[in-house]
Amino acid sequence: MIHKLFTAPMNLVVKVGEKIKEEADKELYDIPTIQQKLIQLQMMYELEEIEEQAYKEQEEQLLMRYETAKRLEMEEYEEMLKQEK
């Protein structure tokens, strides 16, 4: 019982940290969010609100996130198929 008393705060911190990471990953690799940001970026470039170099850098980052998100999506799908068998 004393052990639980001392480890409970640490377990709570770990759970909160895991939840924060989960939410951050969801935001970072959410495909519709990335697509929306790509559209906004394209519009800003076309309206000359950002320079070409900044556009290319941001586009590259967003496309890398998109590729990662699609890969993660496929891995989740494949894992789901394995569990169904």
C-alpha atoms as a PDB file:
ATOM      1  CA  MET A   1       0.000   0.000   0.000  1.00  0.00           C
ATOM      2  CA  ILE A   2       2.824   2.405   0.787  1.00  0.00           C
ATOM      3  CA  HIS A   3       4.346   1.547  -2.582  1.00  0.00           C
ATOM      4  CA  LYS A   4       1.122   2.626  -4.324  1.00  0.00           C
ATOM      5  CA  LEU A   5       1.107   5.833  -2.325  1.00  0.00           C
ATOM      6  CA  PHE A   6       4.539   6.776  -3.620  1.00  0.00           C
ATOM      7  CA  THR A   7       4.136   5.569  -7.203  1.00  0.00           C
ATOM      8  CA  ALA A   8       0.629   6.953  -7.842  1.00  0.00           C
ATOM      9  CA  PRO A   9       1.814  10.518  -8.604  1.00  0.00           C
ATOM     10  CA  MET A  10       4.486   9.173 -10.966  1.00  0.00           C
ATOM     11  CA  ASN A  11       1.972   6.936 -12.752  1.00  0.00           C
ATOM     12  CA  LEU A  12      -0.323   9.919 -13.180  1.00  0.00           C
ATOM     13  CA  VAL A  13       2.480  11.985 -14.694  1.00  0.00           C
ATOM     14  CA  VAL A  14       3.302   9.162 -17.108  1.00  0.00           C
ATOM     15  CA  LYS A  15      -0.350   8.818 -18.161  1.00  0.00           C
ATOM     16  CA  VAL A  16      -0.689  12.565 -18.686  1.00  0.00           C
ATOM     17  CA  GLY A  17       2.504  12.577 -20.738  1.00  0.00           C
ATOM     18  CA  GLU A  18       1.254   9.718 -22.896  1.00  0.00           C
ATOM     19  CA  LYS A  19      -2.041  11.521 -23.479  1.00  0.00           C
ATOM     20  CA  ILE A  20      -0.256  14.742 -24.454  1.00  0.00           C
ATOM     21  CA  LYS A  21       1.955  12.838 -26.907  1.00  0.00           C
ATOM     22  CA  GLU A  22      -1.087  11.089 -28.356  1.00  0.00           C
ATOM     23  CA  GLU A  23      -2.905  14.395 -28.893  1.00  0.00           C
ATOM     24  CA  ALA A  24       0.189  16.069 -30.363  1.00  0.00           C
ATOM     25  CA  ASP A  25       0.729  13.187 -32.780  1.00  0.00           C
ATOM     26  CA  LYS A  26      -2.934  13.311 -33.759  1.00  0.00           C
ATOM     27  CA  GLU A  27      -2.638  17.007 -34.580  1.00  0.00           C
ATOM     28  CA  LEU A  28       0.730  16.621 -36.274  1.00  0.00           C
ATOM     29  CA  TYR A  29      -0.309  13.682 -38.451  1.00  0.00           C
ATOM     30  CA  ASP A  30      -3.990  14.419 -39.042  1.00  0.00           C
ATOM     31  CA  ILE A  31      -4.400  14.095 -42.818  1.00  0.00           C
ATOM     32  CA  PRO A  32      -7.312  16.576 -43.236  1.00  0.00           C
ATOM     33  CA  THR A  33      -5.416  19.147 -41.143  1.00  0.00           C
ATOM     34  CA  ILE A  34      -2.293  18.737 -43.263  1.00  0.00           C
ATOM     35  CA  GLN A  35      -4.317  19.023 -46.464  1.00  0.00           C
ATOM     36  CA  GLN A  36      -5.965  22.205 -45.194  1.00  0.00           C
ATOM     37  CA  LYS A  37      -2.587  23.683 -44.304  1.00  0.00           C
ATOM     38  CA  LEU A  38      -1.270  22.856 -47.778  1.00  0.00           C
ATOM     39  CA  ILE A  39      -4.250  24.636 -49.342  1.00  0.00           C
ATOM     40  CA  GLN A  40      -3.767  27.671 -47.093  1.00  0.00           C
ATOM     41  CA  LEU A  41      -0.060  27.734 -47.914  1.00  0.00           C
ATOM     42  CA  GLN A  42      -0.788  27.584 -51.654  1.00  0.00           C
ATOM     43  CA  MET A  43      -3.265  30.455 -51.347  1.00  0.00           C
ATOM     44  CA  MET A  44      -0.779  32.561 -49.388  1.00  0.00           C
ATOM     45  CA  TYR A  45       1.834  31.971 -52.076  1.00  0.00           C
ATOM     46  CA  GLU A  46      -0.552  32.805 -54.906  1.00  0.00           C
ATOM     47  CA  LEU A  47      -1.583  36.008 -53.124  1.00  0.00           C
ATOM     48  CA  GLU A  48       2.118  36.819 -52.687  1.00  0.00           C
ATOM     49  CA  GLU A  49       1.803  36.844 -48.886  1.00  0.00           C
ATOM     50  CA  ILE A  50       4.914  34.673 -48.559  1.00  0.00           C
ATOM     51  CA  GLU A  51       8.072  34.401 -50.598  1.00  0.00           C
ATOM     52  CA  GLU A  52       8.836  31.423 -52.803  1.00  0.00           C
ATOM     53  CA  GLN A  53      11.622  30.103 -50.569  1.00  0.00           C
ATOM     54  CA  ALA A  54       9.416  30.145 -47.464  1.00  0.00           C
ATOM     55  CA  TYR A  55       6.641  28.500 -49.464  1.00  0.00           C
ATOM     56  CA  LYS A  56       8.913  25.698 -50.642  1.00  0.00           C
ATOM     57  CA  GLU A  57      10.278  25.050 -47.147  1.00  0.00           C
ATOM     58  CA  GLN A  58       6.846  24.917 -45.538  1.00  0.00           C
ATOM     59  CA  GLU A  59       5.437  22.820 -48.365  1.00  0.00           C
ATOM     60  CA  GLU A  60       8.276  20.320 -47.996  1.00  0.00           C
ATOM     61  CA  GLN A  61       7.631  20.001 -44.257  1.00  0.00           C
ATOM     62  CA  LEU A  62       3.908  19.531 -44.765  1.00  0.00           C
ATOM     63  CA  LEU A  63       4.447  16.942 -47.492  1.00  0.00           C
ATOM     64  CA  MET A  64       6.819  14.983 -45.240  1.00  0.00           C
ATOM     65  CA  ARG A  65       4.182  15.040 -42.493  1.00  0.00           C
ATOM     66  CA  TYR A  66       1.572  13.917 -45.026  1.00  0.00           C
ATOM     67  CA  GLU A  67       3.717  10.989 -46.156  1.00  0.00           C
ATOM     68  CA  THR A  68       4.309   9.973 -42.540  1.00  0.00           C
ATOM     69  CA  ALA A  69       0.594  10.244 -41.774  1.00  0.00           C
ATOM     70  CA  LYS A  70      -0.299   8.061 -44.763  1.00  0.00           C
ATOM     71  CA  ARG A  71       2.320   5.485 -43.741  1.00  0.00           C
ATOM     72  CA  LEU A  72       0.961   5.428 -40.178  1.00  0.00           C
ATOM     73  CA  GLU A  73      -2.563   5.080 -41.536  1.00  0.00           C
ATOM     74  CA  MET A  74      -1.514   2.107 -43.663  1.00  0.00           C
ATOM     75  CA  GLU A  75       0.271   0.482 -40.710  1.00  0.00           C
ATOM     76  CA  GLU A  76      -2.860   0.843 -38.571  1.00  0.00           C
ATOM     77  CA  TYR A  77      -4.966  -0.631 -41.372  1.00  0.00           C
ATOM     78  CA  GLU A  78      -2.605  -3.581 -41.816  1.00  0.00           C
ATOM     79  CA  GLU A  79      -2.587  -4.187 -38.055  1.00  0.00           C
ATOM     80  CA  MET A  80      -6.368  -4.150 -38.040  1.00  0.00           C
ATOM     81  CA  LEU A  81      -6.456  -6.711 -40.857  1.00  0.00           C
ATOM     82  CA  LYS A  82      -4.047  -8.965 -38.939  1.00  0.00           C
ATOM     83  CA  GLN A  83      -6.257  -8.842 -35.863  1.00  0.00           C
ATOM     84  CA  GLU A  84      -9.329  -9.818 -37.883  1.00  0.00           C
ATOM     85  CA  LYS A  85      -7.670 -13.038 -39.092  1.00  0.00           C
END
